[in-house]
Amino acid sequence: MAALIATTAMAEASTWTGKASYYTPKSRTASGGRVGHLTAAHRTLPFGTKLRVTNLKNHRSTVVTVNDRGPFIKSRIIDVSGGAADALGFRSAGVAQVKVELVSR
């Protein structure tokens, strides 16, 4: 029951702060598409949702489109494509503290 409440609260929020990681292309995403230059994986948001992701260390931001499910590591709130990690300046680090804001569903 607590997990359902937490998932519902997260789905209703419009801003989240936490850890992001990046992932590299694989054959297909959960939406049936491919990992793109500025795409992301999120556990619950609908495919096609646009999110502004801001690296809290260097304040660089980019808008990504959700087209996959994940991340599968509980301490992370989003996985972004390698291109998005480059735009955010954390690819070499692998993980960054980010703010994620809902742009559109």
Protein backbone atom coordinates (compact mmCIF):
# COMPACT_ATOMS: atom_id res chain seq x y z
CA MET A 1 0.00 0.00 0.00
CA ALA A 2 2.84 2.42 0.85
CA ALA A 3 4.47 1.80 -2.55
CA LEU A 4 1.18 2.62 -4.30
CA ILE A 5 0.88 5.89 -2.38
CA ALA A 6 4.50 6.82 -3.13
CA THR A 7 4.09 6.02 -6.85
CA THR A 8 0.85 8.00 -7.04
CA ALA A 9 2.42 10.98 -5.26
CA MET A 10 5.41 10.89 -7.60
CA ALA A 11 3.16 10.73 -10.68
CA GLU A 12 1.26 13.81 -9.46
CA ALA A 13 4.35 15.87 -8.63
CA SER A 14 5.83 18.15 -11.28
CA THR A 15 9.37 18.49 -9.92
CA TRP A 16 11.72 15.84 -8.50
CA THR A 17 15.28 15.94 -7.21
CA GLY A 18 17.56 12.94 -7.11
CA LYS A 19 20.23 10.97 -8.92
CA ALA A 20 20.36 10.48 -12.68
CA SER A 21 22.45 8.05 -14.64
CA TYR A 22 22.78 7.47 -18.35
CA TYR A 23 22.33 4.49 -20.58
CA THR A 24 23.58 3.54 -24.00
CA PRO A 25 21.57 2.40 -27.02
CA LYS A 26 20.00 -1.02 -27.01
CA SER A 27 17.88 -2.70 -29.64
CA ARG A 28 14.47 -1.32 -28.60
CA THR A 29 13.02 0.72 -25.75
CA ALA A 30 9.90 -0.20 -23.80
CA SER A 31 7.90 2.09 -26.12
CA GLY A 32 9.11 0.17 -29.17
CA GLY A 33 11.39 3.00 -30.30
CA ARG A 34 15.11 3.46 -29.94
CA VAL A 35 17.30 5.41 -27.54
CA GLY A 36 17.59 8.84 -29.13
CA HIS A 37 19.91 11.78 -28.66
CA LEU A 38 17.71 13.37 -25.95
CA THR A 39 15.57 10.58 -24.55
CA ALA A 40 15.05 9.18 -21.07
CA ALA A 41 13.74 6.27 -19.05
CA HIS A 42 11.28 6.90 -16.22
CA ARG A 43 9.43 4.36 -14.09
CA THR A 44 5.89 5.75 -14.33
CA LEU A 45 5.51 8.78 -16.59
CA PRO A 46 3.76 8.19 -19.93
CA PHE A 47 5.84 7.75 -23.07
CA GLY A 48 6.17 11.07 -24.89
CA THR A 49 6.37 13.10 -21.66
CA LYS A 50 8.83 15.99 -21.96
CA LEU A 51 11.05 16.69 -18.94
CA ARG A 52 13.62 19.40 -18.25
CA VAL A 53 16.60 17.82 -16.49
CA THR A 54 19.06 20.15 -14.74
CA ASN A 55 22.44 19.05 -13.41
CA LEU A 56 22.57 20.66 -9.94
CA LYS A 57 26.38 20.75 -9.91
CA ASN A 58 26.92 22.81 -13.09
CA HIS A 59 23.34 24.10 -13.74
CA ARG A 60 23.31 22.77 -17.32
CA SER A 61 19.90 21.62 -18.48
CA THR A 62 18.21 19.94 -21.42
CA VAL A 63 14.74 18.69 -22.33
CA VAL A 64 14.33 14.94 -22.82
CA THR A 65 11.45 12.78 -24.00
CA VAL A 66 10.45 9.68 -22.01
CA ASN A 67 10.47 6.62 -24.28
CA ASP A 68 11.67 3.86 -21.97
CA ARG A 69 11.17 2.37 -18.50
CA GLY A 70 13.73 2.55 -15.73
CA PRO A 71 15.94 3.22 -13.94
CA PHE A 72 16.19 -0.14 -12.28
CA ILE A 73 18.44 1.08 -9.45
CA LYS A 74 16.15 2.32 -6.67
CA SER A 75 18.33 5.28 -5.65
CA ARG A 76 18.00 6.87 -9.12
CA ILE A 77 15.02 8.85 -10.42
CA ILE A 78 15.81 8.94 -14.15
CA ASP A 79 18.09 7.45 -16.77
CA VAL A 80 18.97 9.73 -19.67
CA SER A 81 20.50 8.91 -23.04
CA GLY A 82 24.24 9.36 -23.60
CA GLY A 83 23.54 12.51 -25.65
CA ALA A 84 21.55 14.00 -22.77
CA ALA A 85 24.32 13.07 -20.31
CA ASP A 86 26.78 14.91 -22.59
CA ALA A 87 24.49 17.96 -22.70
CA LEU A 88 24.22 17.88 -18.91
CA GLY A 89 27.97 17.43 -18.48
CA PHE A 90 28.01 14.25 -16.40
CA ARG A 91 28.77 11.42 -18.82
CA SER A 92 32.30 10.90 -17.48
CA ALA A 93 31.02 10.86 -13.90
CA GLY A 94 28.23 8.42 -14.75
CA VAL A 95 25.80 9.76 -12.15
CA ALA A 96 24.67 13.28 -11.23
CA GLN A 97 22.36 14.97 -8.77
CA VAL A 98 19.59 16.49 -10.89
CA LYS A 99 16.32 18.36 -10.77
CA VAL A 100 13.64 16.98 -13.11
CA GLU A 101 10.72 19.22 -14.09
CA LEU A 102 7.61 18.27 -16.03
CA VAL A 103 7.41 20.27 -19.29
CA SER A 104 4.46 18.48 -20.94
CA ARG A 105 2.67 15.14 -20.95
